[in-house]
Amino acid sequence: MKGEQYKELSAFFSETKKRSTTLKALHDILPLLMLVFYPMEAIYLLVTEGIGSEIFLRFTLIPLGTFLLITAVRAIINARRPYEKYDYTPVIKKTTKGKSFPSRHTVSAFIIAMAFLYINTSIGVIMLVIAAIIGVTRVLCGVHFIRDVISGAAIGIAVGVLGYFVF
C-alpha cells in the first residue's frame, strides 16, 4: 500500500465510533486471549508432563527464544512505522518510534499458534486463525506495514515448522 492508502484506511476506521471500537477491541482482545491461554497450557504441560519433558520445553522455549530474537532484530533494523513515514494518527494510540519490522505481535501470535498446533491440531488451527486476525488488525490500525505482518507471520510459521515438526 502507498501512503495515501494507509491514511485513508486509518480515516475509514477512525471516522465512526462503531468501526474504531470494533477494530480496537479486536486489536486488544485477541492478543490478550493468547496471553491467557498460552501460560495456562504451559502450566498444564508443566503439571502433566514435567519441567524436563521435551513437550514442555519445546512449548515454552521456542516461543521465548523467538520473541527474544525478534526483539533484538527489530531494534537493530529499527524500521519506521507507517504513521511515522506518512504522518497520520493511527486508529489506536501509539507513539512508538521505529521497531516496525517485523511485527512482534504477529511473530509472537504465529509462533504461539504453532506451539498449540504441536500440542493439539484443532486448537492450533483456531490459534492460527486468531494469529492471522491479529496480523491484519496491526495493519488496519495503521501501526504496521503489510510487509511487517507478512514477514512476522512467515517467521513465526517457519520457526514453528522447524522447531516443532522438523527437529
N, C-alpha and C. Protein backbone atom coordinates (compact mmCIF):
# COMPACT_ATOMS: atom_id res chain seq x y z
N MET A 1 0.84 -1.19 0.00
CA MET A 1 0.00 0.00 0.00
C MET A 1 0.87 1.23 0.00
N LYS A 2 0.31 2.28 -0.49
CA LYS A 2 1.02 3.56 -0.52
C LYS A 2 0.55 4.43 0.64
N GLY A 3 1.27 5.53 0.84
CA GLY A 3 0.99 6.42 1.96
C GLY A 3 -0.45 6.87 2.05
N GLU A 4 -1.01 7.28 0.93
CA GLU A 4 -2.40 7.75 0.93
C GLU A 4 -3.37 6.64 1.34
N GLN A 5 -3.05 5.41 0.95
CA GLN A 5 -3.92 4.29 1.30
C GLN A 5 -3.90 4.02 2.81
N TYR A 6 -2.73 4.15 3.42
CA TYR A 6 -2.66 3.99 4.87
C TYR A 6 -3.46 5.10 5.57
N LYS A 7 -3.33 6.32 5.07
CA LYS A 7 -4.08 7.44 5.65
C LYS A 7 -5.59 7.22 5.49
N GLU A 8 -6.01 6.79 4.30
CA GLU A 8 -7.43 6.55 4.04
C GLU A 8 -7.97 5.41 4.90
N LEU A 9 -7.19 4.37 5.05
CA LEU A 9 -7.59 3.24 5.88
C LEU A 9 -7.77 3.67 7.34
N SER A 10 -6.82 4.43 7.83
CA SER A 10 -6.91 4.93 9.19
C SER A 10 -8.12 5.84 9.36
N ALA A 11 -8.35 6.70 8.39
CA ALA A 11 -9.50 7.61 8.44
C ALA A 11 -10.81 6.82 8.41
N PHE A 12 -10.87 5.78 7.58
CA PHE A 12 -12.08 4.96 7.48
C PHE A 12 -12.46 4.37 8.84
N PHE A 13 -11.50 3.81 9.55
CA PHE A 13 -11.80 3.20 10.84
C PHE A 13 -11.98 4.24 11.94
N SER A 14 -11.37 5.38 11.80
CA SER A 14 -11.47 6.41 12.84
C SER A 14 -12.73 7.26 12.72
N GLU A 15 -13.35 7.29 11.55
CA GLU A 15 -14.46 8.23 11.34
C GLU A 15 -15.75 7.84 12.04
N THR A 16 -15.93 6.59 12.42
CA THR A 16 -17.12 6.23 13.19
C THR A 16 -16.70 5.49 14.46
N LYS A 17 -17.44 5.73 15.51
CA LYS A 17 -17.14 5.09 16.80
C LYS A 17 -17.28 3.57 16.70
N LYS A 18 -18.27 3.10 15.96
CA LYS A 18 -18.50 1.66 15.84
C LYS A 18 -17.30 0.97 15.18
N ARG A 19 -16.80 1.54 14.10
CA ARG A 19 -15.65 0.94 13.41
C ARG A 19 -14.40 0.97 14.28
N SER A 20 -14.13 2.13 14.86
CA SER A 20 -12.90 2.25 15.65
C SER A 20 -12.96 1.38 16.90
N THR A 21 -14.13 1.31 17.53
CA THR A 21 -14.28 0.49 18.73
C THR A 21 -14.12 -1.00 18.40
N THR A 22 -14.72 -1.42 17.30
CA THR A 22 -14.61 -2.82 16.89
C THR A 22 -13.16 -3.19 16.60
N LEU A 23 -12.48 -2.34 15.83
CA LEU A 23 -11.09 -2.62 15.49
C LEU A 23 -10.20 -2.59 16.73
N LYS A 24 -10.41 -1.62 17.59
CA LYS A 24 -9.62 -1.54 18.83
C LYS A 24 -9.86 -2.76 19.71
N ALA A 25 -11.11 -3.22 19.76
CA ALA A 25 -11.44 -4.41 20.57
C ALA A 25 -10.70 -5.63 20.04
N LEU A 26 -10.74 -5.84 18.72
CA LEU A 26 -10.01 -6.97 18.13
C LEU A 26 -8.52 -6.83 18.40
N HIS A 27 -8.01 -5.62 18.23
CA HIS A 27 -6.58 -5.35 18.44
C HIS A 27 -6.15 -5.68 19.87
N ASP A 28 -7.02 -5.38 20.83
CA ASP A 28 -6.68 -5.57 22.24
C ASP A 28 -7.01 -6.96 22.77
N ILE A 29 -8.17 -7.49 22.38
CA ILE A 29 -8.67 -8.73 22.97
C ILE A 29 -7.96 -9.98 22.42
N LEU A 30 -7.70 -10.02 21.13
CA LEU A 30 -7.11 -11.24 20.56
C LEU A 30 -5.71 -11.53 21.11
N PRO A 31 -4.81 -10.55 21.18
CA PRO A 31 -3.52 -10.86 21.82
C PRO A 31 -3.68 -11.25 23.30
N LEU A 32 -4.66 -10.65 23.94
CA LEU A 32 -4.93 -10.99 25.35
C LEU A 32 -5.36 -12.45 25.48
N LEU A 33 -6.17 -12.93 24.54
CA LEU A 33 -6.57 -14.35 24.55
C LEU A 33 -5.34 -15.25 24.51
N MET A 34 -4.41 -14.92 23.63
CA MET A 34 -3.20 -15.72 23.55
C MET A 34 -2.38 -15.60 24.83
N LEU A 35 -2.35 -14.40 25.38
CA LEU A 35 -1.61 -14.16 26.61
C LEU A 35 -2.19 -14.95 27.77
N VAL A 36 -3.47 -15.23 27.73
CA VAL A 36 -4.12 -16.01 28.79
C VAL A 36 -3.96 -17.51 28.54
N PHE A 37 -4.27 -17.96 27.32
CA PHE A 37 -4.28 -19.40 27.05
C PHE A 37 -2.88 -20.01 26.97
N TYR A 38 -1.91 -19.26 26.49
CA TYR A 38 -0.56 -19.81 26.37
C TYR A 38 0.03 -20.20 27.74
N PRO A 39 0.05 -19.31 28.73
CA PRO A 39 0.58 -19.73 30.03
C PRO A 39 -0.27 -20.81 30.71
N MET A 40 -1.58 -20.78 30.46
CA MET A 40 -2.43 -21.84 31.03
C MET A 40 -2.00 -23.20 30.50
N GLU A 41 -1.75 -23.27 29.18
CA GLU A 41 -1.31 -24.53 28.59
C GLU A 41 0.08 -24.90 29.08
N ALA A 42 0.94 -23.90 29.22
CA ALA A 42 2.29 -24.17 29.73
C ALA A 42 2.23 -24.75 31.15
N ILE A 43 1.38 -24.20 31.98
CA ILE A 43 1.21 -24.72 33.34
C ILE A 43 0.64 -26.14 33.32
N TYR A 44 -0.33 -26.35 32.46
CA TYR A 44 -0.91 -27.69 32.31
C TYR A 44 0.18 -28.69 31.91
N LEU A 45 1.00 -28.32 30.93
CA LEU A 45 2.08 -29.22 30.49
C LEU A 45 3.12 -29.42 31.59
N LEU A 46 3.39 -28.38 32.32
CA LEU A 46 4.33 -28.49 33.45
C LEU A 46 3.84 -29.52 34.46
N VAL A 47 2.55 -29.44 34.79
CA VAL A 47 1.97 -30.35 35.78
C VAL A 47 1.86 -31.77 35.24
N THR A 48 1.40 -31.91 33.99
CA THR A 48 1.14 -33.24 33.46
C THR A 48 2.38 -33.92 32.87
N GLU A 49 3.28 -33.16 32.30
CA GLU A 49 4.44 -33.74 31.61
C GLU A 49 5.75 -33.57 32.38
N GLY A 50 5.84 -32.52 33.19
CA GLY A 50 7.05 -32.26 33.96
C GLY A 50 7.94 -31.21 33.31
N ILE A 51 8.73 -30.56 34.14
CA ILE A 51 9.55 -29.44 33.69
C ILE A 51 10.64 -29.86 32.69
N GLY A 52 11.10 -31.08 32.78
CA GLY A 52 12.16 -31.53 31.88
C GLY A 52 11.66 -32.25 30.65
N SER A 53 10.35 -32.34 30.50
CA SER A 53 9.80 -33.07 29.35
C SER A 53 10.05 -32.30 28.05
N GLU A 54 10.26 -33.04 26.99
CA GLU A 54 10.50 -32.42 25.69
C GLU A 54 9.33 -31.55 25.25
N ILE A 55 8.12 -32.02 25.46
CA ILE A 55 6.93 -31.29 25.03
C ILE A 55 6.83 -29.95 25.77
N PHE A 56 7.07 -29.95 27.07
CA PHE A 56 7.03 -28.71 27.85
C PHE A 56 8.15 -27.76 27.41
N LEU A 57 9.35 -28.29 27.26
CA LEU A 57 10.49 -27.44 26.89
C LEU A 57 10.30 -26.82 25.50
N ARG A 58 9.84 -27.61 24.55
CA ARG A 58 9.59 -27.05 23.20
C ARG A 58 8.48 -26.00 23.25
N PHE A 59 7.40 -26.33 23.96
CA PHE A 59 6.25 -25.43 24.03
C PHE A 59 6.64 -24.07 24.61
N THR A 60 7.54 -24.06 25.57
CA THR A 60 7.89 -22.81 26.24
C THR A 60 9.13 -22.13 25.66
N LEU A 61 10.15 -22.90 25.34
CA LEU A 61 11.43 -22.29 24.95
C LEU A 61 11.47 -21.78 23.50
N ILE A 62 10.78 -22.45 22.60
CA ILE A 62 10.79 -21.99 21.21
C ILE A 62 10.12 -20.62 21.08
N PRO A 63 8.93 -20.40 21.64
CA PRO A 63 8.36 -19.05 21.58
C PRO A 63 9.20 -18.01 22.33
N LEU A 64 9.76 -18.38 23.47
CA LEU A 64 10.60 -17.44 24.22
C LEU A 64 11.82 -17.04 23.40
N GLY A 65 12.51 -18.01 22.84
CA GLY A 65 13.69 -17.71 22.02
C GLY A 65 13.35 -16.87 20.81
N THR A 66 12.22 -17.19 20.18
CA THR A 66 11.78 -16.42 19.01
C THR A 66 11.48 -14.98 19.40
N PHE A 67 10.77 -14.79 20.50
CA PHE A 67 10.44 -13.46 20.97
C PHE A 67 11.70 -12.63 21.24
N LEU A 68 12.66 -13.23 21.93
CA LEU A 68 13.90 -12.51 22.25
C LEU A 68 14.69 -12.17 20.99
N LEU A 69 14.77 -13.11 20.06
CA LEU A 69 15.50 -12.87 18.82
C LEU A 69 14.82 -11.78 17.99
N ILE A 70 13.52 -11.83 17.86
CA ILE A 70 12.80 -10.82 17.07
C ILE A 70 12.91 -9.45 17.73
N THR A 71 12.87 -9.40 19.04
CA THR A 71 13.04 -8.12 19.74
C THR A 71 14.39 -7.49 19.39
N ALA A 72 15.43 -8.31 19.37
CA ALA A 72 16.77 -7.81 19.03
C ALA A 72 16.84 -7.39 17.56
N VAL A 73 16.29 -8.20 16.67
CA VAL A 73 16.32 -7.89 15.24
C VAL A 73 15.59 -6.58 14.96
N ARG A 74 14.42 -6.40 15.57
CA ARG A 74 13.66 -5.15 15.37
C ARG A 74 14.45 -3.93 15.83
N ALA A 75 15.14 -4.06 16.94
CA ALA A 75 15.93 -2.94 17.46
C ALA A 75 17.08 -2.60 16.52
N ILE A 76 17.68 -3.62 15.93
CA ILE A 76 18.79 -3.40 15.00
C ILE A 76 18.29 -2.76 13.70
N ILE A 77 17.21 -3.32 13.14
CA ILE A 77 16.67 -2.78 11.88
C ILE A 77 16.05 -1.41 12.11
N ASN A 78 15.28 -1.26 13.17
CA ASN A 78 14.66 -0.01 13.59
C ASN A 78 13.91 0.70 12.46
N ALA A 79 13.09 -0.06 11.73
CA ALA A 79 12.30 0.49 10.62
C ALA A 79 11.19 1.38 11.13
N ARG A 80 10.94 2.44 10.39
CA ARG A 80 9.85 3.36 10.77
C ARG A 80 8.50 2.69 10.59
N ARG A 81 7.53 3.19 11.33
CA ARG A 81 6.15 2.72 11.26
C ARG A 81 5.39 3.56 10.23
N PRO A 82 4.26 3.03 9.73
CA PRO A 82 3.52 3.79 8.72
C PRO A 82 3.13 5.20 9.17
N TYR A 83 2.69 5.34 10.41
CA TYR A 83 2.27 6.66 10.88
C TYR A 83 3.44 7.62 11.00
N GLU A 84 4.64 7.10 11.16
CA GLU A 84 5.83 7.96 11.17
C GLU A 84 6.17 8.41 9.75
N LYS A 85 6.17 7.44 8.86
CA LYS A 85 6.57 7.71 7.48
C LYS A 85 5.57 8.61 6.76
N TYR A 86 4.28 8.38 6.99
CA TYR A 86 3.25 9.11 6.25
C TYR A 86 2.53 10.18 7.07
N ASP A 87 2.96 10.38 8.30
CA ASP A 87 2.45 11.45 9.16
C ASP A 87 0.92 11.48 9.28
N TYR A 88 0.40 10.50 9.98
CA TYR A 88 -1.02 10.46 10.29
C TYR A 88 -1.19 9.85 11.68
N THR A 89 -2.38 9.94 12.21
CA THR A 89 -2.67 9.38 13.53
C THR A 89 -3.27 8.00 13.35
N PRO A 90 -2.64 6.98 13.91
CA PRO A 90 -3.19 5.63 13.78
C PRO A 90 -4.48 5.48 14.57
N VAL A 91 -5.24 4.44 14.25
CA VAL A 91 -6.53 4.21 14.91
C VAL A 91 -6.35 4.01 16.41
N ILE A 92 -5.30 3.28 16.80
CA ILE A 92 -5.02 3.12 18.22
C ILE A 92 -3.94 4.12 18.61
N LYS A 93 -3.96 4.53 19.86
CA LYS A 93 -2.95 5.48 20.32
C LYS A 93 -1.61 4.76 20.39
N LYS A 94 -0.69 5.22 19.59
CA LYS A 94 0.62 4.60 19.52
C LYS A 94 1.62 5.70 19.22
N THR A 95 2.66 5.74 20.02
CA THR A 95 3.69 6.77 19.81
C THR A 95 5.07 6.15 19.62
N THR A 96 5.13 4.83 19.57
CA THR A 96 6.41 4.14 19.40
C THR A 96 7.08 4.63 18.12
N LYS A 97 8.35 4.88 18.22
CA LYS A 97 9.12 5.27 17.04
C LYS A 97 9.97 4.09 16.62
N GLY A 98 9.93 3.77 15.34
CA GLY A 98 10.74 2.68 14.81
C GLY A 98 10.27 1.32 15.29
N LYS A 99 11.15 0.35 15.15
CA LYS A 99 10.90 -1.04 15.58
C LYS A 99 9.63 -1.61 14.95
N SER A 100 9.44 -1.33 13.68
CA SER A 100 8.25 -1.79 12.99
C SER A 100 8.42 -3.15 12.33
N PHE A 101 9.64 -3.45 11.89
CA PHE A 101 9.87 -4.66 11.09
C PHE A 101 10.72 -5.68 11.83
N PRO A 102 10.26 -6.90 11.92
CA PRO A 102 8.91 -7.41 11.64
C PRO A 102 7.98 -7.14 12.82
N SER A 103 6.69 -7.34 12.59
CA SER A 103 5.71 -7.13 13.65
C SER A 103 5.90 -8.18 14.75
N ARG A 104 6.27 -7.73 15.94
CA ARG A 104 6.49 -8.65 17.05
C ARG A 104 5.19 -9.30 17.51
N HIS A 105 4.09 -8.55 17.46
CA HIS A 105 2.80 -9.14 17.80
C HIS A 105 2.50 -10.31 16.87
N THR A 106 2.75 -10.11 15.58
CA THR A 106 2.44 -11.15 14.60
C THR A 106 3.36 -12.35 14.75
N VAL A 107 4.65 -12.10 14.90
CA VAL A 107 5.59 -13.22 15.11
C VAL A 107 5.17 -14.00 16.34
N SER A 108 4.91 -13.30 17.43
CA SER A 108 4.53 -13.97 18.68
C SER A 108 3.24 -14.77 18.52
N ALA A 109 2.25 -14.16 17.88
CA ALA A 109 0.96 -14.85 17.69
C ALA A 109 1.15 -16.12 16.87
N PHE A 110 1.93 -16.04 15.82
CA PHE A 110 2.11 -17.22 14.97
C PHE A 110 2.97 -18.29 15.62
N ILE A 111 4.00 -17.92 16.35
CA ILE A 111 4.81 -18.95 16.99
C ILE A 111 4.02 -19.62 18.12
N ILE A 112 3.19 -18.86 18.82
CA ILE A 112 2.33 -19.45 19.84
C ILE A 112 1.28 -20.36 19.19
N ALA A 113 0.73 -19.92 18.07
CA ALA A 113 -0.23 -20.76 17.35
C ALA A 113 0.43 -22.06 16.90
N MET A 114 1.68 -21.98 16.45
CA MET A 114 2.40 -23.19 16.03
C MET A 114 2.67 -24.09 17.24
N ALA A 115 2.92 -23.49 18.40
CA ALA A 115 3.11 -24.28 19.62
C ALA A 115 1.83 -25.04 19.96
N PHE A 116 0.69 -24.38 19.82
CA PHE A 116 -0.58 -25.07 20.06
C PHE A 116 -0.84 -26.13 19.00
N LEU A 117 -0.46 -25.87 17.77
CA LEU A 117 -0.61 -26.86 16.70
C LEU A 117 0.20 -28.12 17.03
N TYR A 118 1.35 -27.92 17.62
CA TYR A 118 2.22 -29.02 18.04
C TYR A 118 1.54 -29.88 19.12
N ILE A 119 0.77 -29.23 19.98
CA ILE A 119 0.10 -29.91 21.10
C ILE A 119 -1.23 -30.52 20.68
N ASN A 120 -2.02 -29.73 19.93
CA ASN A 120 -3.38 -30.13 19.57
C ASN A 120 -3.76 -29.46 18.25
N THR A 121 -4.00 -30.26 17.23
CA THR A 121 -4.27 -29.73 15.88
C THR A 121 -5.48 -28.79 15.86
N SER A 122 -6.57 -29.17 16.48
CA SER A 122 -7.79 -28.35 16.43
C SER A 122 -7.56 -26.98 17.08
N ILE A 123 -6.99 -26.98 18.26
CA ILE A 123 -6.72 -25.71 18.94
C ILE A 123 -5.68 -24.92 18.16
N GLY A 124 -4.70 -25.61 17.60
CA GLY A 124 -3.67 -24.94 16.80
C GLY A 124 -4.25 -24.21 15.60
N VAL A 125 -5.20 -24.84 14.92
CA VAL A 125 -5.82 -24.20 13.75
C VAL A 125 -6.61 -22.95 14.19
N ILE A 126 -7.32 -23.06 15.29
CA ILE A 126 -8.05 -21.89 15.82
C ILE A 126 -7.07 -20.77 16.15
N MET A 127 -5.97 -21.12 16.79
CA MET A 127 -4.95 -20.12 17.14
C MET A 127 -4.31 -19.51 15.88
N LEU A 128 -4.13 -20.29 14.83
CA LEU A 128 -3.60 -19.74 13.58
C LEU A 128 -4.55 -18.71 12.98
N VAL A 129 -5.84 -18.97 13.06
CA VAL A 129 -6.83 -18.00 12.58
C VAL A 129 -6.75 -16.73 13.42
N ILE A 130 -6.68 -16.89 14.73
CA ILE A 130 -6.56 -15.72 15.61
C ILE A 130 -5.27 -14.96 15.30
N ALA A 131 -4.18 -15.68 15.07
CA ALA A 131 -2.89 -15.03 14.74
C ALA A 131 -3.02 -14.22 13.45
N ALA A 132 -3.71 -14.78 12.46
CA ALA A 132 -3.89 -14.05 11.20
C ALA A 132 -4.70 -12.77 11.41
N ILE A 133 -5.74 -12.87 12.23
CA ILE A 133 -6.56 -11.68 12.52
C ILE A 133 -5.73 -10.64 13.28
N ILE A 134 -4.89 -11.09 14.21
CA ILE A 134 -4.00 -10.17 14.92
C ILE A 134 -3.13 -9.42 13.93
N GLY A 135 -2.54 -10.14 12.98
CA GLY A 135 -1.71 -9.50 11.97
C GLY A 135 -2.48 -8.47 11.15
N VAL A 136 -3.68 -8.83 10.72
CA VAL A 136 -4.50 -7.91 9.93
C VAL A 136 -4.84 -6.66 10.74
N THR A 137 -5.17 -6.84 12.01
CA THR A 137 -5.51 -5.66 12.82
C THR A 137 -4.33 -4.71 12.97
N ARG A 138 -3.12 -5.24 12.97
CA ARG A 138 -1.93 -4.38 13.08
C ARG A 138 -1.84 -3.44 11.88
N VAL A 139 -2.19 -3.94 10.71
CA VAL A 139 -2.18 -3.10 9.50
C VAL A 139 -3.37 -2.16 9.51
N LEU A 140 -4.57 -2.69 9.80
CA LEU A 140 -5.77 -1.85 9.79
C LEU A 140 -5.71 -0.72 10.81
N CYS A 141 -5.04 -0.97 11.92
CA CYS A 141 -4.88 0.08 12.94
C CYS A 141 -3.84 1.12 12.51
N GLY A 142 -3.05 0.79 11.50
CA GLY A 142 -2.07 1.74 10.98
C GLY A 142 -0.75 1.75 11.71
N VAL A 143 -0.46 0.68 12.46
CA VAL A 143 0.78 0.66 13.24
C VAL A 143 1.87 -0.20 12.60
N HIS A 144 1.51 -0.94 11.53
CA HIS A 144 2.49 -1.77 10.82
C HIS A 144 2.21 -1.73 9.33
N PHE A 145 3.27 -1.89 8.56
CA PHE A 145 3.15 -2.08 7.13
C PHE A 145 2.75 -3.53 6.87
N ILE A 146 2.20 -3.78 5.70
CA ILE A 146 1.85 -5.15 5.32
C ILE A 146 3.09 -6.04 5.36
N ARG A 147 4.21 -5.53 4.90
CA ARG A 147 5.46 -6.33 4.89
C ARG A 147 5.87 -6.74 6.30
N ASP A 148 5.61 -5.89 7.30
CA ASP A 148 5.94 -6.20 8.69
C ASP A 148 5.16 -7.43 9.16
N VAL A 149 3.88 -7.45 8.80
CA VAL A 149 2.99 -8.51 9.25
C VAL A 149 3.24 -9.80 8.47
N ILE A 150 3.40 -9.70 7.16
CA ILE A 150 3.68 -10.90 6.36
C ILE A 150 5.01 -11.53 6.79
N SER A 151 6.01 -10.70 7.00
CA SER A 151 7.31 -11.21 7.47
C SER A 151 7.18 -11.84 8.85
N GLY A 152 6.43 -11.19 9.72
CA GLY A 152 6.22 -11.74 11.07
C GLY A 152 5.53 -13.09 11.02
N ALA A 153 4.49 -13.21 10.18
CA ALA A 153 3.79 -14.49 10.05
C ALA A 153 4.72 -15.55 9.49
N ALA A 154 5.48 -15.19 8.47
CA ALA A 154 6.39 -16.15 7.84
C ALA A 154 7.45 -16.63 8.84
N ILE A 155 7.98 -15.71 9.61
CA ILE A 155 9.00 -16.09 10.62
C ILE A 155 8.39 -17.01 11.66
N GLY A 156 7.21 -16.65 12.18
CA GLY A 156 6.56 -17.47 13.20
C GLY A 156 6.24 -18.87 12.69
N ILE A 157 5.74 -18.96 11.46
CA ILE A 157 5.41 -20.26 10.88
C ILE A 157 6.67 -21.06 10.61
N ALA A 158 7.68 -20.42 10.01
CA ALA A 158 8.92 -21.13 9.67
C ALA A 158 9.61 -21.66 10.92
N VAL A 159 9.74 -20.83 11.94
CA VAL A 159 10.38 -21.28 13.19
C VAL A 159 9.54 -22.39 13.81
N GLY A 160 8.22 -22.25 13.76
CA GLY A 160 7.34 -23.27 14.31
C GLY A 160 7.47 -24.61 13.59
N VAL A 161 7.48 -24.56 12.27
CA VAL A 161 7.63 -25.80 11.50
C VAL A 161 8.97 -26.46 11.83
N LEU A 162 10.03 -25.66 11.81
CA LEU A 162 11.35 -26.21 12.10
C LEU A 162 11.44 -26.72 13.54
N GLY A 163 11.01 -25.91 14.49
CA GLY A 163 11.18 -26.25 15.90
C GLY A 163 10.25 -27.34 16.41
N TYR A 164 9.06 -27.43 15.83
CA TYR A 164 8.07 -28.39 16.34
C TYR A 164 7.91 -29.63 15.47
N PHE A 165 8.16 -29.51 14.17
CA PHE A 165 7.83 -30.62 13.30
C PHE A 165 9.01 -31.19 12.51
N VAL A 166 10.14 -30.48 12.46
CA VAL A 166 11.29 -30.98 11.72
C VAL A 166 12.37 -31.50 12.65
N PHE A 167 12.76 -30.69 13.61
CA PHE A 167 13.86 -31.08 14.50
C PHE A 167 13.36 -31.65 15.80
